[in-house]
Amino acid sequence: MSWFAEWAAYLPQMVSGLGVSLLIAGVAIAAGYPLGLVLSVLVSTKNLALRTFGLAIVEIGRGAPALVILYLFYYGLPKFGIAFESITAACLALTWNAAAYSSEIMRAGLQSVDRGQSEAANALGLSRTHTFWRVIMPQGMRSAVPGLMGVAIQVFQGTSLAYAIAVPELMKSAYNIGSQDFNYLQIFTLAGICYAVISMPATWVTVYFEKRMARHV
Protein backbone atom coordinates (compact mmCIF):
# COMPACT_ATOMS: atom_id res chain seq x y z
CA MET A 1 0.00 0.00 0.00
CA SER A 2 1.34 3.42 -0.96
CA TRP A 3 1.93 6.23 1.51
CA PHE A 4 -1.02 8.20 0.12
CA ALA A 5 -3.40 5.26 0.48
CA GLU A 6 -2.30 4.73 4.10
CA TRP A 7 -2.60 8.44 4.83
CA ALA A 8 -6.14 8.44 3.45
CA ALA A 9 -7.01 5.56 5.79
CA TYR A 10 -5.52 7.30 8.83
CA LEU A 11 -6.71 10.81 8.01
CA PRO A 12 -10.11 10.67 9.80
CA GLN A 13 -8.46 9.81 13.12
CA MET A 14 -5.79 12.46 12.56
CA VAL A 15 -8.41 15.07 11.76
CA SER A 16 -10.20 14.17 14.98
CA GLY A 17 -6.99 14.79 16.91
CA LEU A 18 -6.45 18.03 15.00
CA GLY A 19 -9.90 19.15 16.10
CA VAL A 20 -8.94 18.65 19.75
CA SER A 21 -5.71 20.62 19.17
CA LEU A 22 -7.66 23.49 17.63
CA LEU A 23 -10.16 23.40 20.51
CA ILE A 24 -7.40 23.67 23.12
CA ALA A 25 -5.67 26.44 21.19
CA GLY A 26 -8.94 28.33 20.74
CA VAL A 27 -9.77 28.19 24.45
CA ALA A 28 -6.23 29.21 25.43
CA ILE A 29 -6.26 32.18 23.06
CA ALA A 30 -9.79 33.30 23.92
CA ALA A 31 -9.01 33.23 27.65
CA GLY A 32 -5.32 34.12 27.46
CA TYR A 33 -5.57 37.39 25.55
CA PRO A 34 -8.00 39.13 27.95
CA LEU A 35 -5.88 37.88 30.85
CA GLY A 36 -2.79 39.16 29.04
CA LEU A 37 -4.39 42.60 28.77
CA VAL A 38 -5.06 42.61 32.51
CA LEU A 39 -1.47 41.56 33.20
CA SER A 40 -0.11 44.26 30.88
CA VAL A 41 -2.04 46.87 32.87
CA LEU A 42 -0.84 45.42 36.19
CA VAL A 43 2.79 45.44 35.06
CA SER A 44 2.45 49.08 33.98
CA THR A 45 0.70 50.31 37.13
CA LYS A 46 2.44 52.48 39.70
CA ASN A 47 1.16 50.32 42.57
CA LEU A 48 4.18 48.29 43.67
CA ALA A 49 2.21 45.33 45.01
CA LEU A 50 0.09 44.96 41.88
CA ARG A 51 3.09 45.48 39.60
CA THR A 52 5.10 42.84 41.47
CA PHE A 53 2.20 40.38 41.31
CA GLY A 54 1.74 40.97 37.58
CA LEU A 55 5.45 40.62 36.90
CA ALA A 56 5.59 37.34 38.82
CA ILE A 57 2.74 35.85 36.78
CA VAL A 58 4.25 37.04 33.50
CA GLU A 59 7.83 36.01 34.20
CA ILE A 60 6.87 32.54 35.43
CA GLY A 61 4.59 32.05 32.43
CA ARG A 62 7.30 33.14 30.01
CA GLY A 63 10.29 31.68 31.81
CA ALA A 64 9.02 28.20 32.62
CA PRO A 65 8.68 25.73 29.72
CA ALA A 66 5.06 25.13 28.74
CA LEU A 67 5.52 21.44 29.49
CA VAL A 68 6.50 22.20 33.09
CA ILE A 69 3.41 24.39 33.53
CA LEU A 70 1.32 21.60 32.02
CA TYR A 71 2.71 19.11 34.54
CA LEU A 72 2.12 21.54 37.41
CA PHE A 73 -1.58 21.77 36.57
CA TYR A 74 -2.07 18.07 35.91
CA TYR A 75 0.29 16.38 38.38
CA GLY A 76 1.10 19.11 40.90
CA LEU A 77 -2.24 20.58 41.92
CA PRO A 78 -3.82 17.25 42.97
CA LYS A 79 -1.44 17.35 45.95
CA PHE A 80 -3.54 20.29 47.20
CA GLY A 81 -6.83 18.57 46.40
CA ILE A 82 -7.28 20.33 43.05
CA ALA A 83 -7.60 17.91 40.14
CA PHE A 84 -8.39 18.64 36.50
CA GLU A 85 -9.19 16.48 33.53
CA SER A 86 -6.27 16.26 31.12
CA ILE A 87 -7.86 18.49 28.48
CA THR A 88 -8.80 21.09 31.12
CA ALA A 89 -5.26 21.08 32.48
CA ALA A 90 -3.92 21.59 28.96
CA CYS A 91 -6.27 24.53 28.39
CA LEU A 92 -5.28 26.17 31.67
CA ALA A 93 -1.55 25.70 31.12
CA LEU A 94 -1.61 27.09 27.59
CA THR A 95 -3.88 29.94 28.71
CA TRP A 96 -1.24 30.98 31.22
CA ASN A 97 1.44 30.68 28.55
CA ALA A 98 -0.59 32.71 26.05
CA ALA A 99 -1.41 35.36 28.65
CA ALA A 100 2.23 35.76 29.68
CA TYR A 101 3.53 36.24 26.14
CA SER A 102 0.63 38.34 24.92
CA SER A 103 0.86 40.66 27.94
CA GLU A 104 4.32 41.84 26.92
CA ILE A 105 3.20 42.40 23.34
CA MET A 106 0.16 44.34 24.51
CA ARG A 107 2.19 46.37 26.97
CA ALA A 108 4.62 47.34 24.22
CA GLY A 109 1.70 48.27 21.98
CA LEU A 110 0.08 50.42 24.65
CA GLN A 111 3.35 52.16 25.46
CA SER A 112 3.93 52.89 21.78
CA VAL A 113 0.94 55.25 21.71
CA ASP A 114 2.16 58.84 21.65
CA ARG A 115 1.80 60.62 24.96
CA GLY A 116 0.12 63.48 23.14
CA GLN A 117 -2.93 61.28 22.67
CA SER A 118 -3.45 61.10 26.43
CA GLU A 119 -2.88 64.82 26.78
CA ALA A 120 -5.39 65.56 24.04
CA ALA A 121 -7.98 63.28 25.67
CA ASN A 122 -7.36 64.99 29.00
CA ALA A 123 -7.84 68.39 27.37
CA LEU A 124 -11.20 67.20 26.05
CA GLY A 125 -12.25 66.26 29.58
CA LEU A 126 -12.14 62.47 29.20
CA SER A 127 -11.57 60.47 32.36
CA ARG A 128 -8.56 58.16 32.65
CA THR A 129 -10.81 55.14 32.14
CA HIS A 130 -12.40 56.55 28.99
CA THR A 131 -8.99 57.67 27.72
CA PHE A 132 -7.60 54.15 28.10
CA TRP A 133 -10.52 52.30 26.52
CA ARG A 134 -11.39 54.77 23.76
CA VAL A 135 -8.05 56.33 22.86
CA ILE A 136 -5.04 54.36 24.07
CA MET A 137 -6.18 50.75 23.74
CA PRO A 138 -7.56 50.90 20.17
CA GLN A 139 -4.30 52.39 18.90
CA GLY A 140 -2.07 50.17 21.01
CA MET A 141 -3.88 46.97 20.07
CA ARG A 142 -3.59 47.80 16.39
CA SER A 143 0.20 47.72 16.54
CA ALA A 144 0.08 44.58 18.70
CA VAL A 145 -2.00 42.53 16.23
CA PRO A 146 0.91 40.92 14.31
CA GLY A 147 2.64 39.87 17.51
CA LEU A 148 -0.57 38.45 18.94
CA MET A 149 -1.11 36.43 15.79
CA GLY A 150 2.38 35.02 16.22
CA VAL A 151 1.52 34.00 19.78
CA ALA A 152 -1.62 32.27 18.48
CA ILE A 153 0.51 30.15 16.14
CA GLN A 154 2.88 29.35 19.00
CA VAL A 155 -0.04 28.28 21.20
CA PHE A 156 -1.44 26.03 18.49
CA GLN A 157 1.91 24.33 18.02
CA GLY A 158 2.24 24.08 21.80
CA THR A 159 -0.87 21.90 21.96
CA SER A 160 1.39 19.02 20.88
CA LEU A 161 2.76 19.02 24.45
CA ALA A 162 -0.66 17.91 25.71
CA TYR A 163 0.27 14.47 24.39
CA ALA A 164 2.37 14.13 27.57
CA ILE A 165 -0.78 13.98 29.73
CA ALA A 166 -2.77 11.74 27.34
CA VAL A 167 -4.94 14.43 25.76
CA PRO A 168 -6.30 12.91 22.52
CA GLU A 169 -4.91 15.71 20.36
CA LEU A 170 -3.05 15.40 17.06
CA MET A 171 0.25 14.02 18.38
CA LYS A 172 -1.51 11.52 20.62
CA SER A 173 -3.58 10.33 17.66
CA ALA A 174 -0.42 10.01 15.57
CA TYR A 175 1.33 7.99 18.26
CA ASN A 176 -1.67 5.69 18.70
CA ILE A 177 -1.80 5.00 14.97
CA GLY A 178 1.96 4.54 14.70
CA SER A 179 2.06 2.09 17.59
CA GLN A 180 -0.23 -0.28 15.68
CA ASP A 181 2.42 -1.24 13.11
CA PHE A 182 5.39 0.90 14.23
CA ASN A 183 5.20 2.88 11.01
CA TYR A 184 6.05 6.12 12.81
CA LEU A 185 7.80 7.82 9.89
CA GLN A 186 4.71 8.04 7.72
CA ILE A 187 2.38 8.89 10.59
CA PHE A 188 4.49 11.67 12.08
CA THR A 189 5.08 13.04 8.59
CA LEU A 190 1.30 13.24 8.19
CA ALA A 191 1.02 14.90 11.61
CA GLY A 192 3.61 17.47 10.55
CA ILE A 193 1.61 18.18 7.41
CA CYS A 194 -1.53 18.68 9.50
CA TYR A 195 0.26 21.22 11.69
CA ALA A 196 1.67 22.95 8.61
CA VAL A 197 -1.76 23.20 6.98
CA ILE A 198 -2.85 25.38 9.90
CA SER A 199 0.41 27.14 10.80
CA MET A 200 1.67 28.16 7.35
CA PRO A 201 -1.41 30.12 6.22
CA ALA A 202 -1.57 31.73 9.67
CA THR A 203 2.09 32.74 9.28
CA TRP A 204 1.39 34.29 5.88
CA VAL A 205 -1.49 36.28 7.34
CA THR A 206 0.78 37.45 10.16
CA VAL A 207 3.43 38.62 7.68
CA TYR A 208 0.74 40.45 5.71
CA PHE A 209 -0.45 42.30 8.80
CA GLU A 210 3.14 43.14 9.77
CA LYS A 211 3.68 44.74 6.37
CA ARG A 212 0.41 46.63 6.68
CA MET A 213 1.37 47.92 10.12
CA ALA A 214 4.83 48.93 8.89
CA ARG A 215 3.31 50.81 5.94
CA HIS A 216 0.95 52.58 8.32
CA VAL A 217 3.84 53.64 10.55
C-alpha atoms as a PDB file:
ATOM      1  CA  MET A   1       0.000   0.000   0.000  1.00  0.00           C
ATOM      2  CA  SER A   2       1.344   3.422  -0.958  1.00  0.00           C
ATOM      3  CA  TRP A   3       1.931   6.235   1.510  1.00  0.00           C
ATOM      4  CA  PHE A   4      -1.019   8.198   0.121  1.00  0.00           C
ATOM      5  CA  ALA A   5      -3.398   5.259   0.480  1.00  0.00           C
ATOM      6  CA  GLU A   6      -2.302   4.732   4.097  1.00  0.00           C
ATOM      7  CA  TRP A   7      -2.597   8.442   4.834  1.00  0.00           C
ATOM      8  CA  ALA A   8      -6.144   8.437   3.450  1.00  0.00           C
ATOM      9  CA  ALA A   9      -7.010   5.556   5.789  1.00  0.00           C
ATOM     10  CA  TYR A  10      -5.515   7.301   8.834  1.00  0.00           C
ATOM     11  CA  LEU A  11      -6.710  10.812   8.007  1.00  0.00           C
ATOM     12  CA  PRO A  12     -10.109  10.669   9.802  1.00  0.00           C
ATOM     13  CA  GLN A  13      -8.455   9.811  13.119  1.00  0.00           C
ATOM     14  CA  MET A  14      -5.787  12.459  12.558  1.00  0.00           C
ATOM     15  CA  VAL A  15      -8.414  15.072  11.756  1.00  0.00           C
ATOM     16  CA  SER A  16     -10.200  14.166  14.985  1.00  0.00           C
ATOM     17  CA  GLY A  17      -6.985  14.793  16.915  1.00  0.00           C
ATOM     18  CA  LEU A  18      -6.445  18.029  15.002  1.00  0.00           C
ATOM     19  CA  GLY A  19      -9.903  19.150  16.101  1.00  0.00           C
ATOM     20  CA  VAL A  20      -8.936  18.647  19.748  1.00  0.00           C
ATOM     21  CA  SER A  21      -5.711  20.616  19.171  1.00  0.00           C
ATOM     22  CA  LEU A  22      -7.662  23.494  17.625  1.00  0.00           C
ATOM     23  CA  LEU A  23     -10.159  23.404  20.506  1.00  0.00           C
ATOM     24  CA  ILE A  24      -7.404  23.667  23.121  1.00  0.00           C
ATOM     25  CA  ALA A  25      -5.668  26.443  21.189  1.00  0.00           C
ATOM     26  CA  GLY A  26      -8.944  28.326  20.742  1.00  0.00           C
ATOM     27  CA  VAL A  27      -9.768  28.188  24.451  1.00  0.00           C
ATOM     28  CA  ALA A  28      -6.230  29.207  25.428  1.00  0.00           C
ATOM     29  CA  ILE A  29      -6.258  32.179  23.063  1.00  0.00           C
ATOM     30  CA  ALA A  30      -9.789  33.304  23.925  1.00  0.00           C
ATOM     31  CA  ALA A  31      -9.010  33.230  27.654  1.00  0.00           C
ATOM     32  CA  GLY A  32      -5.322  34.121  27.459  1.00  0.00           C
ATOM     33  CA  TYR A  33      -5.575  37.393  25.545  1.00  0.00           C
ATOM     34  CA  PRO A  34      -7.997  39.126  27.951  1.00  0.00           C
ATOM     35  CA  LEU A  35      -5.879  37.879  30.848  1.00  0.00           C
ATOM     36  CA  GLY A  36      -2.794  39.158  29.037  1.00  0.00           C
ATOM     37  CA  LEU A  37      -4.387  42.603  28.767  1.00  0.00           C
ATOM     38  CA  VAL A  38      -5.064  42.607  32.512  1.00  0.00           C
ATOM     39  CA  LEU A  39      -1.473  41.561  33.200  1.00  0.00           C
ATOM     40  CA  SER A  40      -0.109  44.263  30.881  1.00  0.00           C
ATOM     41  CA  VAL A  41      -2.039  46.868  32.869  1.00  0.00           C
ATOM     42  CA  LEU A  42      -0.842  45.424  36.194  1.00  0.00           C
ATOM     43  CA  VAL A  43       2.786  45.438  35.059  1.00  0.00           C
ATOM     44  CA  SER A  44       2.450  49.080  33.978  1.00  0.00           C
ATOM     45  CA  THR A  45       0.702  50.312  37.127  1.00  0.00           C
ATOM     46  CA  LYS A  46       2.440  52.480  39.705  1.00  0.00           C
ATOM     47  CA  ASN A  47       1.160  50.323  42.572  1.00  0.00           C
ATOM     48  CA  LEU A  48       4.185  48.288  43.668  1.00  0.00           C
ATOM     49  CA  ALA A  49       2.211  45.330  45.010  1.00  0.00           C
ATOM     50  CA  LEU A  50       0.093  44.961  41.876  1.00  0.00           C
ATOM     51  CA  ARG A  51       3.094  45.476  39.600  1.00  0.00           C
ATOM     52  CA  THR A  52       5.096  42.837  41.471  1.00  0.00           C
ATOM     53  CA  PHE A  53       2.203  40.379  41.310  1.00  0.00           C
ATOM     54  CA  GLY A  54       1.736  40.973  37.583  1.00  0.00           C
ATOM     55  CA  LEU A  55       5.452  40.619  36.902  1.00  0.00           C
ATOM     56  CA  ALA A  56       5.593  37.341  38.823  1.00  0.00           C
ATOM     57  CA  ILE A  57       2.738  35.847  36.782  1.00  0.00           C
ATOM     58  CA  VAL A  58       4.250  37.039  33.503  1.00  0.00           C
ATOM     59  CA  GLU A  59       7.827  36.007  34.197  1.00  0.00           C
ATOM     60  CA  ILE A  60       6.871  32.540  35.429  1.00  0.00           C
ATOM     61  CA  GLY A  61       4.588  32.052  32.432  1.00  0.00           C
ATOM     62  CA  ARG A  62       7.305  33.141  30.015  1.00  0.00           C
ATOM     63  CA  GLY A  63      10.288  31.683  31.811  1.00  0.00           C
ATOM     64  CA  ALA A  64       9.024  28.197  32.622  1.00  0.00           C
ATOM     65  CA  PRO A  65       8.680  25.733  29.724  1.00  0.00           C
ATOM     66  CA  ALA A  66       5.063  25.134  28.744  1.00  0.00           C
ATOM     67  CA  LEU A  67       5.515  21.437  29.491  1.00  0.00           C
ATOM     68  CA  VAL A  68       6.498  22.204  33.086  1.00  0.00           C
ATOM     69  CA  ILE A  69       3.406  24.387  33.535  1.00  0.00           C
ATOM     70  CA  LEU A  70       1.322  21.598  32.024  1.00  0.00           C
ATOM     71  CA  TYR A  71       2.713  19.106  34.542  1.00  0.00           C
ATOM     72  CA  LEU A  72       2.115  21.535  37.409  1.00  0.00           C
ATOM     73  CA  PHE A  73      -1.580  21.769  36.569  1.00  0.00           C
ATOM     74  CA  TYR A  74      -2.072  18.066  35.909  1.00  0.00           C
ATOM     75  CA  TYR A  75       0.287  16.379  38.383  1.00  0.00           C
ATOM     76  CA  GLY A  76       1.103  19.106  40.899  1.00  0.00           C
ATOM     77  CA  LEU A  77      -2.235  20.583  41.918  1.00  0.00           C
ATOM     78  CA  PRO A  78      -3.822  17.246  42.968  1.00  0.00           C
ATOM     79  CA  LYS A  79      -1.442  17.355  45.948  1.00  0.00           C
ATOM     80  CA  PHE A  80      -3.540  20.293  47.199  1.00  0.00           C
ATOM     81  CA  GLY A  81      -6.825  18.572  46.398  1.00  0.00           C
ATOM     82  CA  ILE A  82      -7.284  20.333  43.049  1.00  0.00           C
ATOM     83  CA  ALA A  83      -7.604  17.909  40.138  1.00  0.00           C
ATOM     84  CA  PHE A  84      -8.387  18.642  36.498  1.00  0.00           C
ATOM     85  CA  GLU A  85      -9.188  16.477  33.534  1.00  0.00           C
ATOM     86  CA  SER A  86      -6.272  16.264  31.123  1.00  0.00           C
ATOM     87  CA  ILE A  87      -7.859  18.488  28.481  1.00  0.00           C
ATOM     88  CA  THR A  88      -8.797  21.088  31.123  1.00  0.00           C
ATOM     89  CA  ALA A  89      -5.260  21.083  32.483  1.00  0.00           C
ATOM     90  CA  ALA A  90      -3.924  21.591  28.955  1.00  0.00           C
ATOM     91  CA  CYS A  91      -6.268  24.530  28.385  1.00  0.00           C
ATOM     92  CA  LEU A  92      -5.278  26.170  31.673  1.00  0.00           C
ATOM     93  CA  ALA A  93      -1.550  25.698  31.119  1.00  0.00           C
ATOM     94  CA  LEU A  94      -1.610  27.094  27.591  1.00  0.00           C
ATOM     95  CA  THR A  95      -3.878  29.937  28.715  1.00  0.00           C
ATOM     96  CA  TRP A  96      -1.235  30.984  31.217  1.00  0.00           C
ATOM     97  CA  ASN A  97       1.438  30.676  28.550  1.00  0.00           C
ATOM     98  CA  ALA A  98      -0.589  32.714  26.047  1.00  0.00           C
ATOM     99  CA  ALA A  99      -1.407  35.359  28.652  1.00  0.00           C
ATOM    100  CA  ALA A 100       2.230  35.760  29.682  1.00  0.00           C
ATOM    101  CA  TYR A 101       3.529  36.242  26.143  1.00  0.00           C
ATOM    102  CA  SER A 102       0.627  38.344  24.923  1.00  0.00           C
ATOM    103  CA  SER A 103       0.855  40.659  27.940  1.00  0.00           C
ATOM    104  CA  GLU A 104       4.320  41.841  26.924  1.00  0.00           C
ATOM    105  CA  ILE A 105       3.199  42.400  23.336  1.00  0.00           C
ATOM    106  CA  MET A 106       0.156  44.338  24.506  1.00  0.00           C
ATOM    107  CA  ARG A 107       2.192  46.372  26.973  1.00  0.00           C
ATOM    108  CA  ALA A 108       4.616  47.338  24.218  1.00  0.00           C
ATOM    109  CA  GLY A 109       1.704  48.271  21.976  1.00  0.00           C
ATOM    110  CA  LEU A 110       0.078  50.423  24.650  1.00  0.00           C
ATOM    111  CA  GLN A 111       3.350  52.156  25.463  1.00  0.00           C
ATOM    112  CA  SER A 112       3.934  52.889  21.777  1.00  0.00           C
ATOM    113  CA  VAL A 113       0.945  55.249  21.710  1.00  0.00           C
ATOM    114  CA  ASP A 114       2.159  58.835  21.650  1.00  0.00           C
ATOM    115  CA  ARG A 115       1.800  60.625  24.962  1.00  0.00           C
ATOM    116  CA  GLY A 116       0.117  63.478  23.145  1.00  0.00           C
ATOM    117  CA  GLN A 117      -2.932  61.280  22.666  1.00  0.00           C
ATOM    118  CA  SER A 118      -3.447  61.095  26.425  1.00  0.00           C
ATOM    119  CA  GLU A 119      -2.878  64.824  26.777  1.00  0.00           C
ATOM    120  CA  ALA A 120      -5.395  65.558  24.039  1.00  0.00           C
ATOM    121  CA  ALA A 121      -7.976  63.284  25.670  1.00  0.00           C
ATOM    122  CA  ASN A 122      -7.364  64.987  29.003  1.00  0.00           C
ATOM    123  CA  ALA A 123      -7.845  68.387  27.375  1.00  0.00           C
ATOM    124  CA  LEU A 124     -11.199  67.199  26.048  1.00  0.00           C
ATOM    125  CA  GLY A 125     -12.250  66.256  29.575  1.00  0.00           C
ATOM    126  CA  LEU A 126     -12.137  62.474  29.205  1.00  0.00           C
ATOM    127  CA  SER A 127     -11.567  60.469  32.359  1.00  0.00           C
ATOM    128  CA  ARG A 128      -8.560  58.163  32.653  1.00  0.00           C
ATOM    129  CA  THR A 129     -10.811  55.139  32.136  1.00  0.00           C
ATOM    130  CA  HIS A 130     -12.396  56.547  28.993  1.00  0.00           C
ATOM    131  CA  THR A 131      -8.992  57.671  27.722  1.00  0.00           C
ATOM    132  CA  PHE A 132      -7.600  54.151  28.096  1.00  0.00           C
ATOM    133  CA  TRP A 133     -10.524  52.298  26.516  1.00  0.00           C
ATOM    134  CA  ARG A 134     -11.394  54.767  23.755  1.00  0.00           C
ATOM    135  CA  VAL A 135      -8.054  56.333  22.859  1.00  0.00           C
ATOM    136  CA  ILE A 136      -5.040  54.362  24.074  1.00  0.00           C
ATOM    137  CA  MET A 137      -6.184  50.751  23.740  1.00  0.00           C
ATOM    138  CA  PRO A 138      -7.559  50.900  20.169  1.00  0.00           C
ATOM    139  CA  GLN A 139      -4.304  52.393  18.903  1.00  0.00           C
ATOM    140  CA  GLY A 140      -2.065  50.174  21.014  1.00  0.00           C
ATOM    141  CA  MET A 141      -3.879  46.971  20.072  1.00  0.00           C
ATOM    142  CA  ARG A 142      -3.588  47.802  16.389  1.00  0.00           C
ATOM    143  CA  SER A 143       0.196  47.718  16.542  1.00  0.00           C
ATOM    144  CA  ALA A 144       0.078  44.580  18.704  1.00  0.00           C
ATOM    145  CA  VAL A 145      -1.999  42.528  16.231  1.00  0.00           C
ATOM    146  CA  PRO A 146       0.911  40.924  14.308  1.00  0.00           C
ATOM    147  CA  GLY A 147       2.641  39.873  17.513  1.00  0.00           C
ATOM    148  CA  LEU A 148      -0.573  38.449  18.945  1.00  0.00           C
ATOM    149  CA  MET A 149      -1.111  36.426  15.789  1.00  0.00           C
ATOM    150  CA  GLY A 150       2.378  35.018  16.224  1.00  0.00           C
ATOM    151  CA  VAL A 151       1.520  33.996  19.780  1.00  0.00           C
ATOM    152  CA  ALA A 152      -1.615  32.269  18.482  1.00  0.00           C
ATOM    153  CA  ILE A 153       0.513  30.152  16.137  1.00  0.00           C
ATOM    154  CA  GLN A 154       2.876  29.354  19.001  1.00  0.00           C
ATOM    155  CA  VAL A 155      -0.038  28.277  21.205  1.00  0.00           C
ATOM    156  CA  PHE A 156      -1.444  26.026  18.493  1.00  0.00           C
ATOM    157  CA  GLN A 157       1.912  24.327  18.024  1.00  0.00           C
ATOM    158  CA  GLY A 158       2.237  24.076  21.803  1.00  0.00           C
ATOM    159  CA  THR A 159      -0.865  21.897  21.963  1.00  0.00           C
ATOM    160  CA  SER A 160       1.387  19.017  20.876  1.00  0.00           C
ATOM    161  CA  LEU A 161       2.756  19.022  24.445  1.00  0.00           C
ATOM    162  CA  ALA A 162      -0.665  17.906  25.708  1.00  0.00           C
ATOM    163  CA  TYR A 163       0.271  14.472  24.389  1.00  0.00           C
ATOM    164  CA  ALA A 164       2.370  14.125  27.565  1.00  0.00           C
ATOM    165  CA  ILE A 165      -0.776  13.978  29.725  1.00  0.00           C
ATOM    166  CA  ALA A 166      -2.768  11.741  27.340  1.00  0.00           C
ATOM    167  CA  VAL A 167      -4.939  14.430  25.765  1.00  0.00           C
ATOM    168  CA  PRO A 168      -6.299  12.912  22.523  1.00  0.00           C
ATOM    169  CA  GLU A 169      -4.911  15.708  20.356  1.00  0.00           C
ATOM    170  CA  LEU A 170      -3.054  15.399  17.058  1.00  0.00           C
ATOM    171  CA  MET A 171       0.247  14.022  18.384  1.00  0.00           C
ATOM    172  CA  LYS A 172      -1.508  11.519  20.620  1.00  0.00           C
ATOM    173  CA  SER A 173      -3.578  10.333  17.663  1.00  0.00           C
ATOM    174  CA  ALA A 174      -0.422  10.010  15.572  1.00  0.00           C
ATOM    175  CA  TYR A 175       1.326   7.989  18.258  1.00  0.00           C
ATOM    176  CA  ASN A 176      -1.666   5.688  18.698  1.00  0.00           C
ATOM    177  CA  ILE A 177      -1.800   5.002  14.970  1.00  0.00           C
ATOM    178  CA  GLY A 178       1.960   4.545  14.697  1.00  0.00           C
ATOM    179  CA  SER A 179       2.057   2.086  17.587  1.00  0.00           C
ATOM    180  CA  GLN A 180      -0.226  -0.281  15.678  1.00  0.00           C
ATOM    181  CA  ASP A 181       2.415  -1.239  13.111  1.00  0.00           C
ATOM    182  CA  PHE A 182       5.392   0.901  14.233  1.00  0.00           C
ATOM    183  CA  ASN A 183       5.199   2.881  11.010  1.00  0.00           C
ATOM    184  CA  TYR A 184       6.054   6.123  12.806  1.00  0.00           C
ATOM    185  CA  LEU A 185       7.803   7.819   9.888  1.00  0.00           C
ATOM    186  CA  GLN A 186       4.712   8.036   7.723  1.00  0.00           C
ATOM    187  CA  ILE A 187       2.379   8.888  10.587  1.00  0.00           C
ATOM    188  CA  PHE A 188       4.485  11.670  12.085  1.00  0.00           C
ATOM    189  CA  THR A 189       5.078  13.039   8.594  1.00  0.00           C
ATOM    190  CA  LEU A 190       1.300  13.239   8.188  1.00  0.00           C
ATOM    191  CA  ALA A 191       1.020  14.900  11.608  1.00  0.00           C
ATOM    192  CA  GLY A 192       3.613  17.470  10.547  1.00  0.00           C
ATOM    193  CA  ILE A 193       1.613  18.184   7.408  1.00  0.00           C
ATOM    194  CA  CYS A 194      -1.528  18.680   9.502  1.00  0.00           C
ATOM    195  CA  TYR A 195       0.265  21.215  11.692  1.00  0.00           C
ATOM    196  CA  ALA A 196       1.668  22.953   8.612  1.00  0.00           C
ATOM    197  CA  VAL A 197      -1.759  23.203   6.979  1.00  0.00           C
ATOM    198  CA  ILE A 198      -2.849  25.383   9.901  1.00  0.00           C
ATOM    199  CA  SER A 199       0.407  27.140  10.802  1.00  0.00           C
ATOM    200  CA  MET A 200       1.669  28.164   7.354  1.00  0.00           C
ATOM    201  CA  PRO A 201      -1.410  30.120   6.222  1.00  0.00           C
ATOM    202  CA  ALA A 202      -1.567  31.730   9.667  1.00  0.00           C
ATOM    203  CA  THR A 203       2.085  32.741   9.285  1.00  0.00           C
ATOM    204  CA  TRP A 204       1.386  34.287   5.879  1.00  0.00           C
ATOM    205  CA  VAL A 205      -1.490  36.282   7.338  1.00  0.00           C
ATOM    206  CA  THR A 206       0.784  37.454  10.161  1.00  0.00           C
ATOM    207  CA  VAL A 207       3.428  38.624   7.682  1.00  0.00           C
ATOM    208  CA  TYR A 208       0.737  40.452   5.709  1.00  0.00           C
ATOM    209  CA  PHE A 209      -0.448  42.302   8.802  1.00  0.00           C
ATOM    210  CA  GLU A 210       3.138  43.141   9.774  1.00  0.00           C
ATOM    211  CA  LYS A 211       3.680  44.738   6.374  1.00  0.00           C
ATOM    212  CA  ARG A 212       0.411  46.634   6.675  1.00  0.00           C
ATOM    213  CA  MET A 213       1.369  47.924  10.115  1.00  0.00           C
ATOM    214  CA  ALA A 214       4.835  48.930   8.889  1.00  0.00           C
ATOM    215  CA  ARG A 215       3.310  50.808   5.939  1.00  0.00           C
ATOM    216  CA  HIS A 216       0.947  52.580   8.320  1.00  0.00           C
ATOM    217  CA  VAL A 217       3.837  53.641  10.554  1.00  0.00           C
END
